[in-house]
Amino acid sequence: MHPHGLLHVMSYELMMEGILVPIIHQQLGHTSLATTARSLVHIVPKEFLVAMQGREYDC
């Protein structure tokens, strides 16, 4: 395991505990919130897909 991999594990665990993405973003020290969001989608795409499929859209 390398240090960057540990950051991925930590961010995954925080997200699974319900910690908001902006807080995870601060913890990881990314300059952009988009970087954190892309990282989390890469780590747990299934959970994001399930969440997006469960959303109701007002069109």
N, C-alpha and C. Protein backbone atom coordinates (compact mmCIF):
# COMPACT_ATOMS: atom_id res chain seq x y z
N MET A 1 0.86 -1.17 0.00
CA MET A 1 0.00 0.00 0.00
C MET A 1 0.90 1.23 0.00
N HIS A 2 0.55 2.18 -0.81
CA HIS A 2 1.31 3.43 -0.87
C HIS A 2 0.50 4.54 -0.21
N PRO A 3 1.14 5.67 0.15
CA PRO A 3 0.44 6.74 0.87
C PRO A 3 -0.81 7.24 0.14
N HIS A 4 -0.74 7.36 -1.17
CA HIS A 4 -1.91 7.85 -1.90
C HIS A 4 -3.07 6.86 -1.79
N GLY A 5 -2.76 5.58 -1.76
CA GLY A 5 -3.79 4.56 -1.59
C GLY A 5 -4.47 4.68 -0.23
N LEU A 6 -3.70 5.03 0.78
CA LEU A 6 -4.29 5.23 2.11
C LEU A 6 -5.27 6.40 2.10
N LEU A 7 -4.97 7.44 1.33
CA LEU A 7 -5.90 8.57 1.21
C LEU A 7 -7.21 8.12 0.57
N HIS A 8 -7.11 7.24 -0.43
CA HIS A 8 -8.32 6.72 -1.07
C HIS A 8 -9.15 5.92 -0.07
N VAL A 9 -8.50 5.10 0.72
CA VAL A 9 -9.22 4.31 1.73
C VAL A 9 -9.89 5.23 2.74
N MET A 10 -9.16 6.25 3.21
CA MET A 10 -9.73 7.17 4.19
C MET A 10 -10.93 7.90 3.60
N SER A 11 -10.81 8.40 2.36
CA SER A 11 -11.92 9.15 1.77
C SER A 11 -13.13 8.24 1.56
N TYR A 12 -12.90 6.99 1.17
CA TYR A 12 -13.99 6.03 1.02
C TYR A 12 -14.70 5.81 2.36
N GLU A 13 -13.92 5.58 3.41
CA GLU A 13 -14.50 5.33 4.74
C GLU A 13 -15.30 6.54 5.22
N LEU A 14 -14.76 7.74 5.01
CA LEU A 14 -15.49 8.95 5.41
C LEU A 14 -16.81 9.07 4.67
N MET A 15 -16.78 8.80 3.36
CA MET A 15 -18.00 8.89 2.58
C MET A 15 -19.02 7.86 3.03
N MET A 16 -18.57 6.63 3.32
CA MET A 16 -19.48 5.59 3.77
C MET A 16 -20.07 5.91 5.14
N GLU A 17 -19.39 6.74 5.92
CA GLU A 17 -19.90 7.16 7.22
C GLU A 17 -20.85 8.35 7.10
N GLY A 18 -21.04 8.84 5.88
CA GLY A 18 -21.97 9.94 5.67
C GLY A 18 -21.36 11.32 5.78
N ILE A 19 -20.04 11.40 5.81
CA ILE A 19 -19.38 12.69 5.88
C ILE A 19 -19.58 13.40 4.54
N LEU A 20 -19.91 14.67 4.59
CA LEU A 20 -20.17 15.44 3.38
C LEU A 20 -18.91 15.62 2.55
N VAL A 21 -19.08 15.66 1.23
CA VAL A 21 -17.95 15.78 0.31
C VAL A 21 -17.11 17.04 0.59
N PRO A 22 -17.71 18.21 0.90
CA PRO A 22 -16.86 19.37 1.19
C PRO A 22 -15.92 19.15 2.39
N ILE A 23 -16.36 18.38 3.34
CA ILE A 23 -15.50 18.09 4.50
C ILE A 23 -14.38 17.13 4.10
N ILE A 24 -14.72 16.13 3.30
CA ILE A 24 -13.69 15.21 2.79
C ILE A 24 -12.69 15.99 1.94
N HIS A 25 -13.20 16.91 1.15
CA HIS A 25 -12.36 17.78 0.31
C HIS A 25 -11.34 18.53 1.15
N GLN A 26 -11.77 19.11 2.25
CA GLN A 26 -10.85 19.83 3.14
C GLN A 26 -9.82 18.88 3.73
N GLN A 27 -10.25 17.70 4.12
CA GLN A 27 -9.35 16.73 4.74
C GLN A 27 -8.27 16.28 3.76
N LEU A 28 -8.66 16.08 2.50
CA LEU A 28 -7.70 15.62 1.49
C LEU A 28 -6.77 16.72 1.02
N GLY A 29 -7.20 17.97 1.16
CA GLY A 29 -6.35 19.09 0.77
C GLY A 29 -6.34 19.37 -0.72
N HIS A 30 -7.34 18.88 -1.44
CA HIS A 30 -7.43 19.19 -2.86
C HIS A 30 -7.71 20.68 -3.05
N THR A 31 -7.20 21.25 -4.14
CA THR A 31 -7.47 22.66 -4.41
C THR A 31 -8.85 22.85 -5.00
N SER A 32 -9.42 21.80 -5.60
CA SER A 32 -10.72 21.91 -6.23
C SER A 32 -11.66 20.84 -5.68
N LEU A 33 -12.88 21.24 -5.41
CA LEU A 33 -13.89 20.29 -4.96
C LEU A 33 -14.18 19.26 -6.06
N ALA A 34 -14.06 19.67 -7.31
CA ALA A 34 -14.29 18.76 -8.44
C ALA A 34 -13.29 17.60 -8.41
N THR A 35 -12.06 17.88 -8.00
CA THR A 35 -11.04 16.82 -7.91
C THR A 35 -11.47 15.78 -6.89
N THR A 36 -11.96 16.22 -5.76
CA THR A 36 -12.43 15.30 -4.72
C THR A 36 -13.61 14.49 -5.22
N ALA A 37 -14.56 15.15 -5.87
CA ALA A 37 -15.74 14.45 -6.38
C ALA A 37 -15.34 13.39 -7.40
N ARG A 38 -14.44 13.73 -8.33
CA ARG A 38 -13.97 12.75 -9.32
C ARG A 38 -13.29 11.57 -8.63
N SER A 39 -12.52 11.88 -7.62
CA SER A 39 -11.80 10.83 -6.89
C SER A 39 -12.79 9.88 -6.22
N LEU A 40 -13.82 10.41 -5.61
CA LEU A 40 -14.79 9.57 -4.92
C LEU A 40 -15.61 8.74 -5.90
N VAL A 41 -15.95 9.30 -7.04
CA VAL A 41 -16.68 8.54 -8.06
C VAL A 41 -15.82 7.39 -8.55
N HIS A 42 -14.53 7.64 -8.69
CA HIS A 42 -13.60 6.61 -9.14
C HIS A 42 -13.50 5.47 -8.12
N ILE A 43 -13.54 5.81 -6.85
CA ILE A 43 -13.38 4.82 -5.79
C ILE A 43 -14.63 3.96 -5.62
N VAL A 44 -15.79 4.59 -5.61
CA VAL A 44 -17.04 3.85 -5.36
C VAL A 44 -18.11 4.19 -6.39
N PRO A 45 -17.90 3.85 -7.64
CA PRO A 45 -18.89 4.20 -8.66
C PRO A 45 -20.26 3.57 -8.43
N LYS A 46 -20.32 2.37 -7.87
CA LYS A 46 -21.60 1.71 -7.68
C LYS A 46 -22.50 2.51 -6.74
N GLU A 47 -21.95 2.99 -5.64
CA GLU A 47 -22.74 3.74 -4.68
C GLU A 47 -23.26 5.04 -5.30
N PHE A 48 -22.44 5.69 -6.13
CA PHE A 48 -22.88 6.91 -6.79
C PHE A 48 -23.97 6.62 -7.80
N LEU A 49 -23.83 5.53 -8.53
CA LEU A 49 -24.86 5.18 -9.51
C LEU A 49 -26.18 4.89 -8.82
N VAL A 50 -26.15 4.16 -7.73
CA VAL A 50 -27.38 3.85 -6.98
C VAL A 50 -28.01 5.15 -6.47
N ALA A 51 -27.20 6.05 -5.94
CA ALA A 51 -27.71 7.32 -5.42
C ALA A 51 -28.35 8.14 -6.54
N MET A 52 -27.71 8.19 -7.67
CA MET A 52 -28.24 8.98 -8.79
C MET A 52 -29.52 8.35 -9.34
N GLN A 53 -29.60 7.04 -9.38
CA GLN A 53 -30.79 6.38 -9.89
C GLN A 53 -31.98 6.59 -8.96
N GLY A 54 -31.73 6.79 -7.68
CA GLY A 54 -32.80 6.98 -6.71
C GLY A 54 -33.33 8.40 -6.64
N ARG A 55 -32.69 9.32 -7.35
CA ARG A 55 -33.11 10.72 -7.32
C ARG A 55 -34.38 10.92 -8.12
N GLU A 56 -35.18 11.89 -7.67
CA GLU A 56 -36.36 12.29 -8.43
C GLU A 56 -36.02 13.58 -9.17
N TYR A 57 -36.40 13.65 -10.41
CA TYR A 57 -36.08 14.81 -11.24
C TYR A 57 -37.35 15.60 -11.51
N ASP A 58 -37.24 16.91 -11.35
CA ASP A 58 -38.34 17.81 -11.69
C ASP A 58 -38.05 18.41 -13.05
N CYS A 59 -38.72 17.88 -14.06
CA CYS A 59 -38.50 18.40 -15.43
C CYS A 59 -39.77 18.99 -15.98
